[in-house]
Amino acid sequence: MEVIKTEREINVFSFVETARKNRINMVQTESQYNFIYESLVDFYLTSHTEIPVQNLESQLNAKDALTREFDLLKRVVIRGKTGHSDGVDNSQKIRFKDTEPNNRGNIFLSSETSSGYSNYINATGYRSLKKRTAFITTQSPLPNTVEDFWCLIQDWKCPIIVMLNKLDLEDKFSPRQAIALSENLDVNTMVKIPNVDDG
């Protein structure tokens, strides 16, 4: 966890391999690896959730603080095979029904949107040789997922967006002026590039 704080990423397999030099039978099964990964995701998304024993009573009596702790839980719900299996109907967030991502490369949102916390987005992460989530694929946003799209860019610090479909200049997700999508998210146009004719 200290490595995640400083490096913002960790190679779990390499870490376990090094740790085995002192503890031979450490981490042997797939479920143990799953537990490590899920624990690291929880830690990364929720930061500090431990409460010192001397502060426990005051923390439990402070309803705002306790409510914030429960709100964090909403951000780390791990879905099953598809985005529908968390009990919430996400079909209205999917442009093409045959391309819903499975849980193998799940991408989660952690930012709060104007509709509250909803960690679902129709997106999948792919690894490169050096990074676990080097590339993210997603659909161009629907009118009701524009805010989710920009949260994805913000949460995952995406430096480049490559669109494989033709850009529709009427699409509202490419702002011509600064817009505030929610209290927590503003989108500004930094550079304008002239339109290039496809022909």
Protein backbone atom coordinates (compact mmCIF):
# COMPACT_ATOMS: atom_id res chain seq x y z
CA MET A 1 0.00 0.00 0.00
CA GLU A 2 2.94 2.29 0.60
CA VAL A 3 4.05 1.62 -2.99
CA ILE A 4 0.61 2.64 -4.30
CA LYS A 5 0.76 5.88 -2.32
CA THR A 6 4.08 6.88 -3.85
CA GLU A 7 4.12 5.18 -7.28
CA ARG A 8 0.32 5.06 -7.93
CA GLU A 9 0.78 1.53 -9.29
CA ILE A 10 2.14 -1.82 -8.13
CA ASN A 11 3.23 -5.10 -9.69
CA VAL A 12 1.52 -7.57 -7.35
CA PHE A 13 3.13 -10.68 -8.81
CA SER A 14 6.65 -9.23 -8.51
CA PHE A 15 5.96 -8.04 -4.95
CA VAL A 16 4.66 -11.47 -3.88
CA GLU A 17 7.61 -13.19 -5.57
CA THR A 18 10.03 -11.01 -3.57
CA ALA A 19 8.09 -11.54 -0.32
CA ARG A 20 8.23 -15.33 -0.80
CA LYS A 21 11.96 -15.22 -0.11
CA ASN A 22 11.04 -14.69 3.56
CA ARG A 23 7.67 -16.49 3.61
CA ILE A 24 7.81 -19.53 1.36
CA ASN A 25 4.10 -20.42 1.24
CA MET A 26 2.80 -16.87 0.95
CA VAL A 27 -0.08 -16.47 -1.58
CA GLN A 28 -0.67 -19.77 -3.36
CA THR A 29 -4.19 -19.71 -4.81
CA GLU A 30 -6.10 -17.64 -7.33
CA SER A 31 -8.59 -16.55 -4.65
CA GLN A 32 -5.70 -15.20 -2.54
CA TYR A 33 -4.49 -13.14 -5.51
CA ASN A 34 -8.07 -11.92 -6.08
CA PHE A 35 -8.25 -10.85 -2.44
CA ILE A 36 -5.01 -8.87 -2.79
CA TYR A 37 -6.20 -7.11 -5.96
CA GLU A 38 -9.62 -6.25 -4.51
CA SER A 39 -8.04 -4.98 -1.29
CA LEU A 40 -5.66 -2.76 -3.27
CA VAL A 41 -8.53 -1.38 -5.37
CA ASP A 42 -10.48 -0.61 -2.19
CA PHE A 43 -7.46 1.12 -0.67
CA TYR A 44 -6.69 3.11 -3.82
CA LEU A 45 -10.27 4.36 -4.25
CA THR A 46 -11.15 5.00 -0.62
CA SER A 47 -7.80 6.14 0.80
CA HIS A 48 -7.74 6.19 4.61
CA THR A 49 -10.68 4.44 6.24
CA GLU A 50 -9.11 3.15 9.44
CA ILE A 51 -10.27 4.75 12.69
CA PRO A 52 -7.93 4.86 15.73
CA VAL A 53 -9.61 3.30 18.77
CA GLN A 54 -9.41 6.56 20.75
CA ASN A 55 -11.46 8.28 18.00
CA LEU A 56 -14.01 5.50 17.48
CA GLU A 57 -16.77 6.85 19.73
CA SER A 58 -16.60 10.39 18.36
CA GLN A 59 -16.44 9.07 14.78
CA LEU A 60 -19.52 6.89 15.28
CA ASN A 61 -21.42 9.80 16.81
CA ALA A 62 -20.49 12.11 13.91
CA LYS A 63 -23.18 11.12 11.42
CA ASP A 64 -21.66 13.12 8.58
CA ALA A 65 -18.37 11.25 8.89
CA LEU A 66 -20.15 7.90 9.09
CA THR A 67 -22.29 8.76 6.06
CA ARG A 68 -19.13 9.57 4.09
CA GLU A 69 -17.71 6.15 4.99
CA PHE A 70 -20.84 4.42 3.65
CA ASP A 71 -20.72 6.58 0.50
CA LEU A 72 -17.23 5.24 -0.13
CA LEU A 73 -18.62 1.71 -0.21
CA LYS A 74 -20.76 2.62 -3.22
CA ARG A 75 -17.60 3.48 -5.13
CA VAL A 76 -15.96 0.09 -4.72
CA VAL A 77 -18.74 -2.35 -5.57
CA ILE A 78 -17.17 -5.02 -7.76
CA ARG A 79 -19.51 -6.12 -10.54
CA GLY A 80 -20.02 -9.66 -11.73
CA LYS A 81 -19.81 -10.81 -15.35
CA THR A 82 -21.37 -7.69 -16.83
CA GLY A 83 -22.47 -4.25 -15.76
CA HIS A 84 -26.05 -5.44 -15.25
CA SER A 85 -25.20 -7.95 -12.55
CA ASP A 86 -24.78 -5.38 -9.77
CA GLY A 87 -28.57 -5.16 -9.56
CA VAL A 88 -28.75 -1.81 -11.35
CA ASP A 89 -30.08 -1.53 -14.89
CA ASN A 90 -27.31 0.16 -16.86
CA SER A 91 -28.82 -0.51 -20.30
CA GLN A 92 -29.62 3.19 -20.78
CA LYS A 93 -25.87 3.89 -20.61
CA ILE A 94 -24.96 1.52 -23.45
CA ARG A 95 -24.99 2.69 -27.07
CA PHE A 96 -24.45 -0.75 -28.61
CA LYS A 97 -26.04 -3.57 -26.61
CA ASP A 98 -23.68 -6.18 -28.05
CA THR A 99 -20.54 -4.45 -26.73
CA GLU A 100 -21.19 -4.37 -22.99
CA PRO A 101 -17.86 -5.04 -21.24
CA ASN A 102 -17.34 -8.11 -19.10
CA ASN A 103 -15.57 -7.92 -15.77
CA ARG A 104 -12.18 -8.92 -17.14
CA GLY A 105 -11.07 -5.37 -17.86
CA ASN A 106 -13.54 -3.42 -15.78
CA ILE A 107 -13.08 0.31 -15.61
CA PHE A 108 -14.75 1.99 -12.65
CA LEU A 109 -15.60 5.61 -12.05
CA SER A 110 -14.72 7.09 -8.67
CA SER A 111 -15.85 10.71 -9.09
CA GLU A 112 -19.20 11.85 -7.81
CA THR A 113 -21.52 13.00 -10.60
CA SER A 114 -24.57 15.22 -10.43
CA SER A 115 -26.66 12.07 -9.97
CA GLY A 116 -24.47 10.80 -7.10
CA TYR A 117 -22.01 7.91 -7.16
CA SER A 118 -22.42 5.41 -9.98
CA ASN A 119 -19.22 3.57 -10.76
CA TYR A 120 -20.54 1.97 -13.97
CA ILE A 121 -19.29 3.05 -17.39
CA ASN A 122 -19.33 1.06 -20.61
CA ALA A 123 -15.53 0.87 -20.83
CA THR A 124 -12.78 -1.73 -20.79
CA GLY A 125 -9.12 -1.39 -19.84
CA TYR A 126 -6.26 -3.11 -21.65
CA ARG A 127 -2.71 -3.70 -20.50
CA SER A 128 0.55 -2.95 -22.27
CA LEU A 129 3.94 -4.52 -21.62
CA LYS A 130 4.64 -2.06 -18.82
CA LYS A 131 1.27 -0.95 -17.47
CA ARG A 132 -1.81 -2.80 -16.26
CA THR A 133 -4.31 -0.30 -17.67
CA ALA A 134 -2.51 1.44 -20.50
CA PHE A 135 -5.46 1.83 -22.88
CA ILE A 136 -9.17 2.31 -22.32
CA THR A 137 -11.86 1.72 -24.92
CA THR A 138 -15.33 3.14 -24.58
CA GLN A 139 -18.23 4.29 -26.72
CA SER A 140 -18.75 7.90 -27.71
CA PRO A 141 -21.03 9.27 -25.00
CA LEU A 142 -24.79 9.31 -25.15
CA PRO A 143 -26.61 12.49 -24.02
CA ASN A 144 -27.09 10.89 -20.59
CA THR A 145 -23.46 9.69 -20.24
CA VAL A 146 -21.55 12.87 -21.13
CA GLU A 147 -20.70 13.50 -17.49
CA ASP A 148 -19.60 9.87 -17.04
CA PHE A 149 -17.32 10.23 -20.09
CA TRP A 150 -15.54 13.26 -18.62
CA CYS A 151 -15.33 11.57 -15.20
CA LEU A 152 -13.58 8.67 -16.96
CA ILE A 153 -11.05 11.10 -18.46
CA GLN A 154 -10.54 12.76 -15.07
CA ASP A 155 -10.45 9.63 -12.88
CA TRP A 156 -8.06 7.72 -15.13
CA LYS A 157 -6.01 10.78 -16.18
CA CYS A 158 -6.38 10.01 -19.91
CA PRO A 159 -3.97 12.30 -21.80
CA ILE A 160 -5.17 11.41 -25.32
CA ILE A 161 -8.58 10.58 -26.78
CA VAL A 162 -8.64 8.78 -30.15
CA MET A 163 -12.04 8.62 -31.80
CA LEU A 164 -12.50 5.88 -34.37
CA ASN A 165 -15.91 7.07 -35.46
CA LYS A 166 -16.57 10.26 -37.42
CA LEU A 167 -16.89 13.23 -35.09
CA ASP A 168 -20.32 14.81 -35.18
CA LEU A 169 -19.90 18.53 -34.57
CA GLU A 170 -23.35 18.59 -32.99
CA ASP A 171 -22.21 16.24 -30.22
CA LYS A 172 -22.47 18.04 -26.90
CA PHE A 173 -19.55 16.21 -25.29
CA SER A 174 -17.02 18.31 -27.21
CA PRO A 175 -17.61 21.70 -25.60
CA ARG A 176 -17.00 24.92 -27.51
CA GLN A 177 -17.00 26.82 -24.23
CA ALA A 178 -16.35 26.02 -20.58
CA ILE A 179 -19.15 23.97 -19.07
CA ALA A 180 -19.75 22.80 -15.53
CA LEU A 181 -21.09 19.26 -15.72
CA SER A 182 -21.45 19.01 -11.96
CA GLU A 183 -20.15 20.70 -8.81
CA ASN A 184 -17.01 18.59 -9.04
CA LEU A 185 -16.25 18.67 -12.76
CA ASP A 186 -15.61 21.52 -15.21
CA VAL A 187 -14.63 20.98 -18.83
CA ASN A 188 -12.77 23.68 -20.75
CA THR A 189 -11.62 23.92 -24.35
CA MET A 190 -7.87 24.55 -24.19
CA VAL A 191 -6.95 24.34 -27.88
CA LYS A 192 -9.11 24.52 -30.99
CA ILE A 193 -7.96 22.56 -34.02
CA PRO A 194 -9.46 23.52 -37.40
CA ASN A 195 -11.84 20.99 -38.95
CA VAL A 196 -10.18 18.75 -41.51
CA ASP A 197 -12.25 17.70 -44.50
CA ASP A 198 -12.43 13.90 -44.79
CA GLY A 199 -12.36 14.11 -48.59
